[in-house]
């Protein structure tokens, strides 16, 4: 079900002219988010993007990376630099991978704005704030689970060092 949301969001950007997928027609890209054990295929056909999971389609390119690196690509991080740092492993057509990364970089997506249409401004803003904090935490830790574990340890063992208790007299 959540893949349907991603598919609709991408196709909305295609239809509105925000992104152009002409060069990707007939291509399939598989993103393997290693720390989430998630494989998602993006199949581009007839100026549409289909988002699938667990498909038997042989991808033109298989991109293996962590969630924090995937978000970094969205924020404009240089693909070549991430490859040099061994943060991304690409198997297959590198040109297709570069086209997809360019597509991600050029897509101007305000997820909070889109979410607010369905949930209202307050909920969308709170989700955006939580996701930004999660991104900051996951960038500092090796895995998202490690970030959550560190946060819980800090709250349970040393609550006086957390932001919540910074200005409190304990």
Protein backbone atom coordinates (compact mmCIF):
# COMPACT_ATOMS: atom_id res chain seq x y z
CA UNK A 1 0.00 0.00 0.00
CA UNK A 2 2.81 2.45 0.84
CA UNK A 3 4.34 1.72 -2.58
CA UNK A 4 1.13 3.01 -4.14
CA UNK A 5 1.70 6.36 -2.39
CA UNK A 6 5.26 6.56 -3.76
CA UNK A 7 4.03 5.60 -7.23
CA UNK A 8 1.26 8.22 -7.17
CA UNK A 9 3.66 10.90 -5.92
CA UNK A 10 6.21 10.20 -8.68
CA UNK A 11 3.55 10.02 -11.39
CA UNK A 12 2.02 13.28 -10.13
CA UNK A 13 5.43 14.92 -10.62
CA UNK A 14 5.68 13.40 -14.11
CA UNK A 15 2.20 14.58 -15.10
CA UNK A 16 2.74 18.08 -13.69
CA UNK A 17 5.97 18.43 -15.67
CA UNK A 18 8.17 18.67 -12.57
CA UNK A 19 10.26 15.71 -13.73
CA UNK A 20 10.91 14.17 -17.13
CA UNK A 21 11.32 10.40 -17.48
CA UNK A 22 11.59 10.18 -21.29
CA UNK A 23 15.15 8.80 -21.11
CA UNK A 24 14.08 6.17 -18.57
CA UNK A 25 11.21 4.67 -20.58
CA UNK A 26 11.65 0.91 -20.78
CA UNK A 27 14.13 0.85 -17.89
CA UNK A 28 13.86 -0.86 -14.51
CA UNK A 29 15.83 0.23 -11.47
CA UNK A 30 16.00 -1.72 -8.23
CA UNK A 31 16.81 0.10 -5.00
CA UNK A 32 17.97 -2.17 -2.20
CA UNK A 33 17.85 -0.30 1.10
CA UNK A 34 20.22 -2.50 3.08
CA UNK A 35 19.47 -1.41 6.66
CA UNK A 36 15.73 -1.89 6.11
CA UNK A 37 16.09 -5.09 4.03
CA UNK A 38 13.84 -3.51 1.44
CA UNK A 39 13.94 -4.06 -2.34
CA UNK A 40 11.86 -1.74 -4.47
CA UNK A 41 11.69 -1.79 -8.27
CA UNK A 42 10.93 1.35 -10.26
CA UNK A 43 9.66 0.31 -13.69
CA UNK A 44 9.37 3.15 -16.23
CA UNK A 45 6.95 2.49 -19.11
CA UNK A 46 4.79 4.76 -21.27
CA UNK A 47 5.73 7.90 -19.32
CA UNK A 48 4.60 6.27 -16.06
CA UNK A 49 6.53 4.89 -13.13
CA UNK A 50 5.36 1.67 -11.50
CA UNK A 51 6.69 0.91 -8.02
CA UNK A 52 6.86 -2.81 -7.25
CA UNK A 53 8.27 -5.02 -4.54
CA UNK A 54 9.24 -8.65 -4.94
CA UNK A 55 8.93 -8.61 -8.72
CA UNK A 56 10.76 -11.08 -10.95
CA UNK A 57 11.72 -8.39 -13.43
CA UNK A 58 15.44 -8.29 -14.19
CA UNK A 59 16.53 -4.71 -13.43
CA UNK A 60 18.72 -2.65 -15.74
CA UNK A 61 20.46 -1.35 -12.64
CA UNK A 62 20.58 -2.56 -9.05
CA UNK A 63 21.49 0.16 -6.54
CA UNK A 64 22.40 -0.97 -3.01
CA UNK A 65 22.61 1.68 -0.31
CA UNK A 66 21.53 2.62 3.21
CA UNK A 67 18.50 4.76 4.00
CA UNK A 68 20.61 7.75 5.04
CA UNK A 69 22.48 7.62 1.70
CA UNK A 70 19.17 7.39 -0.20
CA UNK A 71 18.00 10.55 1.58
CA UNK A 72 21.37 12.19 0.87
CA UNK A 73 20.80 11.55 -2.84
CA UNK A 74 17.41 13.29 -2.56
CA UNK A 75 19.17 16.25 -0.97
CA UNK A 76 21.60 16.58 -3.89
CA UNK A 77 24.62 14.62 -2.72
CA UNK A 78 27.02 13.80 -5.57
CA UNK A 79 26.67 10.21 -6.81
CA UNK A 80 30.34 9.99 -7.83
CA UNK A 81 31.48 11.04 -4.36
CA UNK A 82 29.21 8.49 -2.68
CA UNK A 83 30.58 5.80 -5.02
CA UNK A 84 34.15 6.75 -4.10
CA UNK A 85 33.27 6.45 -0.41
CA UNK A 86 31.76 2.99 -1.05
CA UNK A 87 28.40 4.13 0.31
CA UNK A 88 26.63 2.93 -2.85
CA UNK A 89 27.08 -0.26 -4.83
CA UNK A 90 25.77 -0.18 -8.41
CA UNK A 91 25.39 -3.32 -10.52
CA UNK A 92 24.27 -2.83 -14.10
CA UNK A 93 23.81 0.21 -16.29
CA UNK A 94 25.56 3.13 -14.57
CA UNK A 95 24.04 5.61 -17.04
CA UNK A 96 20.53 4.58 -15.91
CA UNK A 97 21.63 4.99 -12.29
CA UNK A 98 22.91 8.51 -13.03
CA UNK A 99 19.64 9.41 -14.79
CA UNK A 100 17.64 8.25 -11.77
CA UNK A 101 19.86 10.18 -9.36
CA UNK A 102 19.49 13.29 -11.53
CA UNK A 103 15.74 12.74 -11.47
CA UNK A 104 15.79 12.57 -7.66
CA UNK A 105 17.94 15.71 -7.44
CA UNK A 106 15.69 17.71 -9.77
CA UNK A 107 12.43 16.63 -8.18
CA UNK A 108 11.20 19.44 -5.95
CA UNK A 109 9.05 17.49 -3.52
CA UNK A 110 7.62 19.14 -0.43
CA UNK A 111 6.38 16.04 1.36
CA UNK A 112 4.89 18.07 4.20
CA UNK A 113 2.79 20.07 1.74
CA UNK A 114 1.56 16.96 -0.05
CA UNK A 115 0.81 15.17 3.23
CA UNK A 116 -1.06 18.18 4.58
CA UNK A 117 -3.66 17.79 1.83
CA UNK A 118 -4.70 14.50 3.42
CA UNK A 119 -3.95 14.99 7.11
CA UNK A 120 -4.00 18.72 7.77
CA UNK A 121 -1.13 21.11 8.45
CA UNK A 122 -0.48 20.23 12.08
CA UNK A 123 -0.11 16.48 11.53
CA UNK A 124 1.99 16.99 8.37
CA UNK A 125 4.31 19.41 10.17
CA UNK A 126 4.74 17.01 13.10
CA UNK A 127 5.52 14.12 10.72
CA UNK A 128 8.06 16.33 8.91
CA UNK A 129 9.71 17.34 12.18
CA UNK A 130 9.93 13.75 13.40
CA UNK A 131 11.34 12.54 10.07
CA UNK A 132 14.01 15.27 10.08
CA UNK A 133 15.06 14.31 13.61
CA UNK A 134 15.14 10.66 12.57
CA UNK A 135 17.34 11.52 9.57
CA UNK A 136 19.75 13.44 11.82
CA UNK A 137 19.90 10.53 14.26
CA UNK A 138 20.35 7.91 11.55
CA UNK A 139 23.14 9.93 9.92
CA UNK A 140 25.04 9.91 13.23
CA UNK A 141 24.55 6.17 13.81
CA UNK A 142 25.48 3.23 11.63
CA UNK A 143 21.86 1.99 11.37
CA UNK A 144 18.45 3.45 12.25
CA UNK A 145 18.04 0.79 14.96
CA UNK A 146 21.35 1.86 16.46
CA UNK A 147 20.09 5.47 16.59
CA UNK A 148 16.88 4.42 18.33
CA UNK A 149 18.83 2.28 20.81
CA UNK A 150 21.19 5.15 21.64
CA UNK A 151 18.25 7.53 22.14
CA UNK A 152 16.50 5.11 24.50
CA UNK A 153 19.67 4.52 26.50
CA UNK A 154 20.14 8.26 26.83
CA UNK A 155 16.57 8.81 28.04
CA UNK A 156 16.51 5.82 30.42
CA UNK A 157 20.05 5.91 31.82
CA UNK A 158 21.08 9.57 31.59
CA UNK A 159 17.89 11.65 31.27
CA UNK A 160 19.64 14.80 32.51
CA UNK A 161 21.70 14.88 29.27
CA UNK A 162 18.66 14.98 26.98
CA UNK A 163 17.15 18.14 25.51
CA UNK A 164 13.93 17.53 27.42
CA UNK A 165 15.69 17.89 30.79
CA UNK A 166 18.39 20.39 29.87
CA UNK A 167 16.83 23.36 31.65
CA UNK A 168 15.24 21.44 34.52
CA UNK A 169 16.62 21.19 38.01
CA UNK A 170 16.90 17.53 38.91
